Amino acid sequence: MKQLARTLLSGTVCGSLLLACGAAQPTPELVDARRAYAEARSGPAAQLVPDELLSAKQALDRAEAAHEADDGSDEEKSLAYIAKRKAALATSKAGYAQAQLDIQAADKKYKETQDALRKTAQSELEANREQLERVRRELAAQTNQVSEQSSVLKKQEAELAARQKALEAEKVARIAAEKKAAAALASLEEIARIKEEQRGMVITLDGGVLFATGKSQLLPIAEQRLAKVAEVLQNQPDNKSITVEGHTDSVGADATNLKLSQARAESVRTYLISQGVPAARIKAVGRGESVPIGDNKTPEGRATNRRVEIIVGD
């Protein structure tokens, strides 16, 4: 096809043009045919529709031959018209072929563009999906964290409420215990002397009411009084220590008085334990005549010195 196109553009055409150089003038039809062929040849027809351009050339050659044989003849005009139409047809078909090529190129470009857009959209879609999935995971993690924190807060609130309730119950119990202890102390004041000292609360019981002279065994009335004392002691805080001290007057030997005071303190301790006072919190100490609070020279003072003191301290 390329060889054919070169042939159409070669010197063969020159032979036809040389015919025009003769003395005889070509007809207007032949001039139009020559112009139409020249336009067709200069366009894309040689590359796209060489067969059509060759047919137009051949028709023009016949018109040139008729002109040479009989210029101005009807045959020249007729053949020139045919050559013009063939040249116009070649130009038209070349335009159509070019349009088809342009359409194909545009279609290819369109498909390439569509494919590129589709790939870009797919990539963006995948990126969006990954981003959405990442956001979903982050939201899920945050939701779980918030849920865990909410559970912890609820647990803490429940514990706080329980603690508050326990504190309120403890407060109520403490107030009740204090009222009970106060009532017990108030009743105890009828049978004993109660005094707050640096060493603690001191409950003093008359030794003459608790024991017979020179004895360490409790009298029946002593047990009744010590039962009330035991009730008071049981209502004291667990961290309080209890000391039972036995005291005598100065009548008799010191050693005898010390032994008697110890024995009386032990008797009181044993009875208090039997009434529910914890044994680990209470101890017995005999002081003998070493800590008098009255004058041993008088009967009243000696009677005051014969006593049992129960100290509730830290």
Protein backbone atom coordinates (compact mmCIF):
# COMPACT_ATOMS: atom_id res chain seq x y z
CA MET A 1 0.00 0.00 0.00
CA LYS A 2 2.88 2.37 0.81
CA GLN A 3 4.47 1.56 -2.59
CA LEU A 4 1.18 2.39 -4.26
CA ALA A 5 1.02 5.68 -2.46
CA ARG A 6 4.57 6.53 -3.56
CA THR A 7 3.61 5.65 -7.13
CA LEU A 8 0.69 8.06 -6.96
CA LEU A 9 3.03 10.80 -5.85
CA SER A 10 5.79 9.97 -8.38
CA GLY A 11 6.57 11.25 -11.81
CA THR A 12 3.58 9.45 -13.34
CA VAL A 13 1.55 12.42 -12.27
CA CYS A 14 4.00 14.70 -14.01
CA GLY A 15 3.14 13.06 -17.34
CA SER A 16 -0.46 14.08 -16.89
CA LEU A 17 0.48 17.59 -15.92
CA LEU A 18 2.79 17.95 -18.93
CA LEU A 19 -0.17 17.33 -21.16
CA ALA A 20 -1.64 20.49 -19.81
CA CYS A 21 1.36 22.41 -21.12
CA GLY A 22 0.26 21.92 -24.74
CA ALA A 23 -1.30 24.61 -26.80
CA ALA A 24 -4.87 23.34 -26.29
CA GLN A 25 -6.60 24.74 -23.22
CA PRO A 26 -8.28 22.19 -20.93
CA THR A 27 -11.96 22.38 -20.36
CA PRO A 28 -13.23 23.76 -17.04
CA GLU A 29 -14.25 20.22 -16.16
CA LEU A 30 -10.69 18.99 -16.61
CA VAL A 31 -9.32 21.93 -14.59
CA ASP A 32 -11.75 21.05 -11.77
CA ALA A 33 -10.76 17.40 -12.01
CA ARG A 34 -7.05 18.26 -11.76
CA ARG A 35 -7.71 20.53 -8.76
CA ALA A 36 -9.84 17.89 -7.03
CA TYR A 37 -7.18 15.22 -7.52
CA ALA A 38 -4.43 17.56 -6.28
CA GLU A 39 -6.45 18.23 -3.13
CA ALA A 40 -7.10 14.54 -2.60
CA ARG A 41 -3.45 13.68 -3.13
CA SER A 42 -2.28 16.34 -0.66
CA GLY A 43 -4.63 15.06 2.01
CA PRO A 44 -4.69 11.79 3.99
CA ALA A 45 -6.17 9.80 1.10
CA ALA A 46 -2.74 8.47 -0.03
CA GLN A 47 -2.27 6.89 3.44
CA LEU A 48 -5.82 5.98 4.33
CA VAL A 49 -7.58 5.11 1.00
CA PRO A 50 -4.82 4.62 -1.58
CA ASP A 51 -7.08 2.44 -3.75
CA GLU A 52 -9.63 5.22 -4.05
CA LEU A 53 -6.89 7.74 -4.86
CA LEU A 54 -5.48 5.39 -7.52
CA SER A 55 -8.93 5.04 -9.06
CA ALA A 56 -9.22 8.85 -9.18
CA LYS A 57 -5.76 9.08 -10.81
CA GLN A 58 -6.68 6.54 -13.41
CA ALA A 59 -9.88 8.42 -14.20
CA LEU A 60 -7.89 11.65 -14.49
CA ASP A 61 -5.39 9.94 -16.82
CA ARG A 62 -8.25 8.91 -19.11
CA ALA A 63 -9.59 12.45 -19.13
CA GLU A 64 -6.10 13.76 -19.96
CA ALA A 65 -5.85 11.22 -22.78
CA ALA A 66 -9.19 12.35 -24.20
CA HIS A 67 -8.04 15.95 -23.97
CA GLU A 68 -4.88 15.08 -25.87
CA ALA A 69 -6.84 13.23 -28.52
CA ASP A 70 -9.62 15.74 -28.92
CA ASP A 71 -9.48 18.74 -26.65
CA GLY A 72 -12.74 20.24 -25.62
CA SER A 73 -14.67 17.13 -26.64
CA ASP A 74 -17.63 15.81 -24.75
CA GLU A 75 -15.62 12.72 -23.89
CA GLU A 76 -12.98 14.91 -22.22
CA LYS A 77 -15.66 16.66 -20.23
CA SER A 78 -17.38 13.43 -19.27
CA LEU A 79 -14.15 11.70 -18.22
CA ALA A 80 -12.98 14.85 -16.39
CA TYR A 81 -16.27 14.92 -14.44
CA ILE A 82 -15.82 11.27 -13.50
CA ALA A 83 -12.24 11.95 -12.39
CA LYS A 84 -13.40 14.92 -10.28
CA ARG A 85 -16.06 12.79 -8.61
CA LYS A 86 -13.61 9.98 -7.92
CA ALA A 87 -11.14 12.48 -6.41
CA ALA A 88 -13.95 13.93 -4.29
CA LEU A 89 -14.93 10.38 -3.27
CA ALA A 90 -11.34 9.61 -2.29
CA THR A 91 -11.22 12.80 -0.20
CA SER A 92 -14.54 11.95 1.40
CA LYS A 93 -13.58 8.37 2.19
CA ALA A 94 -10.24 9.56 3.53
CA GLY A 95 -12.10 11.95 5.81
CA TYR A 96 -14.39 9.14 6.92
CA ALA A 97 -11.40 6.84 7.53
CA GLN A 98 -9.67 9.60 9.50
CA ALA A 99 -12.85 10.14 11.49
CA GLN A 100 -12.97 6.41 12.26
CA LEU A 101 -9.36 6.51 13.39
CA ASP A 102 -10.12 9.54 15.52
CA ILE A 103 -13.12 7.72 16.98
CA GLN A 104 -11.00 4.66 17.73
CA ALA A 105 -8.30 6.80 19.32
CA ALA A 106 -10.92 8.68 21.31
CA ASP A 107 -12.54 5.41 22.34
CA LYS A 108 -9.18 4.00 23.38
CA LYS A 109 -8.41 7.19 25.29
CA TYR A 110 -11.86 7.04 26.87
CA LYS A 111 -11.36 3.43 27.91
CA GLU A 112 -7.91 4.20 29.26
CA THR A 113 -9.30 7.18 31.15
CA GLN A 114 -12.20 5.11 32.46
CA ASP A 115 -9.83 2.35 33.48
CA ALA A 116 -7.57 4.84 35.23
CA LEU A 117 -10.55 6.44 36.95
CA ARG A 118 -11.85 3.02 37.94
CA LYS A 119 -8.48 2.05 39.38
CA THR A 120 -8.21 5.38 41.19
CA ALA A 121 -11.74 5.00 42.54
CA GLN A 122 -10.97 1.42 43.59
CA SER A 123 -7.80 2.54 45.33
CA GLU A 124 -9.65 5.36 47.06
CA LEU A 125 -12.43 2.95 48.02
CA GLU A 126 -9.94 0.50 49.51
CA ALA A 127 -8.20 3.34 51.34
CA ASN A 128 -11.56 4.57 52.65
CA ARG A 129 -12.48 1.06 53.72
CA GLU A 130 -9.19 0.69 55.58
CA GLN A 131 -9.66 4.08 57.19
CA LEU A 132 -13.25 3.26 58.15
CA GLU A 133 -12.13 -0.10 59.55
CA ARG A 134 -9.38 1.63 61.54
CA VAL A 135 -11.86 4.18 62.85
CA ARG A 136 -14.29 1.37 63.70
CA ARG A 137 -11.60 -0.47 65.64
CA GLU A 138 -10.61 2.72 67.45
CA LEU A 139 -14.24 3.45 68.30
CA ALA A 140 -14.71 -0.14 69.48
CA ALA A 141 -11.60 0.15 71.66
CA GLN A 142 -12.80 3.47 73.06
CA THR A 143 -16.25 1.98 73.67
CA ASN A 144 -14.69 -0.97 75.50
CA GLN A 145 -12.51 1.40 77.51
CA VAL A 146 -15.48 3.58 78.40
CA SER A 147 -17.46 0.44 79.31
CA GLU A 148 -14.63 -0.79 81.52
CA GLN A 149 -14.28 2.62 83.14
CA SER A 150 -18.04 2.73 83.64
CA SER A 151 -17.93 -0.71 85.26
CA VAL A 152 -15.07 0.39 87.51
CA LEU A 153 -16.95 3.57 88.44
CA LYS A 154 -20.11 1.61 89.16
CA LYS A 155 -18.13 -0.82 91.30
CA GLN A 156 -16.46 2.07 93.13
CA GLU A 157 -19.84 3.75 93.60
CA ALA A 158 -21.27 0.51 94.97
CA GLU A 159 -18.29 0.06 97.28
CA LEU A 160 -18.56 3.70 98.38
CA ALA A 161 -22.28 3.31 99.00
CA ALA A 162 -21.65 0.10 100.95
CA ARG A 163 -18.88 1.81 102.90
CA GLN A 164 -21.12 4.79 103.58
CA LYS A 165 -23.88 2.47 104.69
CA ALA A 166 -21.43 0.58 106.90
CA LEU A 167 -20.16 3.85 108.38
CA GLU A 168 -23.70 4.97 109.05
CA ALA A 169 -24.50 1.61 110.63
CA GLU A 170 -21.27 1.80 112.61
CA LYS A 171 -22.16 5.32 113.70
CA VAL A 172 -25.61 4.20 114.79
CA ALA A 173 -24.11 1.23 116.61
CA ARG A 174 -21.48 3.45 118.22
CA ILE A 175 -24.07 5.94 119.37
CA ALA A 176 -26.18 3.10 120.73
CA ALA A 177 -23.13 1.61 122.44
CA GLU A 178 -22.19 4.99 123.89
CA LYS A 179 -25.72 5.46 125.17
CA LYS A 180 -25.66 1.98 126.65
CA ALA A 181 -22.24 2.58 128.18
CA ALA A 182 -23.36 5.94 129.52
CA ALA A 183 -26.44 4.34 131.01
CA ALA A 184 -24.31 1.56 132.50
CA LEU A 185 -21.89 4.12 133.94
CA ALA A 186 -24.78 6.11 135.33
CA SER A 187 -26.12 3.02 137.07
CA LEU A 188 -22.60 2.12 138.19
CA GLU A 189 -22.21 5.44 139.97
CA GLU A 190 -24.72 4.19 142.53
CA ILE A 191 -22.34 1.46 143.70
CA ALA A 192 -18.88 2.82 142.81
CA ARG A 193 -16.88 5.96 142.43
CA ILE A 194 -15.91 6.79 138.80
CA LYS A 195 -13.18 9.26 138.00
CA GLU A 196 -11.19 10.22 134.91
CA GLU A 197 -7.48 10.39 135.63
CA GLN A 198 -4.33 10.57 133.52
CA ARG A 199 -4.01 6.79 133.68
CA GLY A 200 -7.60 6.37 132.40
CA MET A 201 -11.09 5.84 133.78
CA VAL A 202 -10.84 4.62 137.39
CA ILE A 203 -13.74 2.65 138.92
CA THR A 204 -13.30 2.41 142.71
CA LEU A 205 -15.23 -0.20 144.72
CA ASP A 206 -15.37 -0.26 148.54
CA GLY A 207 -13.37 -3.24 149.73
CA GLY A 208 -15.65 -3.70 152.73
CA VAL A 209 -18.58 -4.41 150.43
CA LEU A 210 -16.60 -6.90 148.28
CA PHE A 211 -14.74 -8.95 150.89
CA ALA A 212 -14.97 -9.99 154.51
CA THR A 213 -12.21 -8.75 156.74
CA GLY A 214 -8.91 -10.45 155.89
CA LYS A 215 -10.55 -12.57 153.15
CA SER A 216 -10.19 -12.65 149.33
CA GLN A 217 -13.40 -14.52 148.52
CA LEU A 218 -16.12 -12.33 147.04
CA LEU A 219 -19.25 -11.70 149.06
CA PRO A 220 -22.64 -12.34 147.36
CA ILE A 221 -23.37 -8.61 147.17
CA ALA A 222 -19.92 -8.13 145.57
CA GLU A 223 -20.88 -10.40 142.68
CA GLN A 224 -24.00 -8.33 142.04
CA ARG A 225 -21.98 -5.14 141.90
CA LEU A 226 -19.20 -6.67 139.82
CA ALA A 227 -21.80 -7.94 137.31
CA LYS A 228 -22.72 -4.31 136.61
CA VAL A 229 -19.02 -3.44 136.36
CA ALA A 230 -18.54 -6.30 133.86
CA GLU A 231 -21.37 -4.89 131.72
CA VAL A 232 -19.63 -1.52 131.62
CA LEU A 233 -16.26 -3.07 130.76
CA GLN A 234 -17.72 -5.14 127.92
CA ASN A 235 -18.93 -1.93 126.28
CA GLN A 236 -15.45 -0.36 126.32
CA PRO A 237 -13.39 -0.27 123.07
CA ASP A 238 -11.37 -3.41 122.33
CA ASN A 239 -8.12 -1.46 122.37
CA LYS A 240 -8.57 -0.48 125.99
CA SER A 241 -6.63 -2.38 128.62
CA ILE A 242 -8.14 -3.22 132.01
CA THR A 243 -6.13 -3.42 135.25
CA VAL A 244 -7.63 -4.60 138.56
CA GLU A 245 -5.70 -3.20 141.51
CA GLY A 246 -6.17 -4.45 145.08
CA HIS A 247 -5.46 -2.02 147.98
CA THR A 248 -5.42 -2.45 151.80
CA ASP A 249 -5.02 -0.25 154.85
CA SER A 250 -1.86 -0.22 156.90
CA VAL A 251 -3.12 -2.61 159.59
CA GLY A 252 -0.97 -5.74 159.59
CA ALA A 253 2.35 -6.64 158.02
CA ASP A 254 3.26 -5.19 154.65
CA ALA A 255 3.87 -8.62 153.08
CA THR A 256 0.54 -9.90 154.33
CA ASN A 257 -1.28 -6.86 152.99
CA LEU A 258 0.46 -7.15 149.61
CA LYS A 259 -0.47 -10.84 149.33
CA LEU A 260 -4.08 -10.12 150.37
CA SER A 261 -4.40 -7.28 147.87
CA GLN A 262 -3.10 -9.51 145.05
CA ALA A 263 -5.50 -12.29 145.97
CA ARG A 264 -8.46 -9.88 146.05
CA ALA A 265 -7.44 -8.44 142.65
CA GLU A 266 -7.27 -11.98 141.23
CA SER A 267 -10.72 -12.80 142.60
CA VAL A 268 -12.22 -9.73 140.96
CA ARG A 269 -10.43 -10.50 137.66
CA THR A 270 -11.68 -14.10 137.66
CA TYR A 271 -15.25 -13.01 138.24
CA LEU A 272 -15.14 -10.35 135.52
CA ILE A 273 -13.81 -12.94 133.04
CA SER A 274 -16.68 -15.25 133.99
CA GLN A 275 -19.06 -12.41 133.08
CA GLY A 276 -17.62 -12.09 129.55
CA VAL A 277 -14.75 -9.64 129.89
CA PRO A 278 -11.90 -10.94 127.61
CA ALA A 279 -9.14 -12.50 129.73
CA ALA A 280 -6.42 -11.14 127.42
CA ARG A 281 -7.44 -7.56 128.18
CA ILE A 282 -7.52 -7.77 131.94
CA LYS A 283 -4.76 -8.23 134.54
CA ALA A 284 -4.63 -8.23 138.34
CA VAL A 285 -2.12 -6.28 140.44
CA GLY A 286 -1.80 -6.15 144.23
CA ARG A 287 -0.68 -2.79 145.65
CA GLY A 288 -1.00 -3.61 149.34
CA GLU A 289 -0.89 -0.50 151.54
CA SER A 290 1.50 1.36 149.22
CA VAL A 291 -1.05 3.72 147.62
CA PRO A 292 -3.33 5.09 150.36
CA ILE A 293 -5.98 7.68 149.53
CA GLY A 294 -7.11 8.20 153.12
CA ASP A 295 -5.47 8.66 156.53
CA ASN A 296 -4.62 5.24 157.98
CA LYS A 297 -4.68 6.79 161.50
CA THR A 298 -8.46 7.13 161.39
CA PRO A 299 -11.13 4.46 160.95
CA GLU A 300 -12.68 6.40 158.09
CA GLY A 301 -9.33 6.76 156.30
CA ARG A 302 -8.51 3.07 156.69
CA ALA A 303 -11.93 2.16 155.35
CA THR A 304 -11.27 4.35 152.30
CA ASN A 305 -7.91 2.68 151.70
CA ARG A 306 -9.49 -0.82 151.70
CA ARG A 307 -10.64 -0.75 148.07
CA VAL A 308 -10.44 -2.28 144.61
CA GLU A 309 -9.68 -0.01 141.66
CA ILE A 310 -10.43 -1.02 138.08
CA ILE A 311 -8.49 1.14 135.61
CA VAL A 312 -9.59 1.29 131.96
CA GLY A 313 -6.71 2.83 130.03
CA ASP A 314 -4.88 2.75 126.69
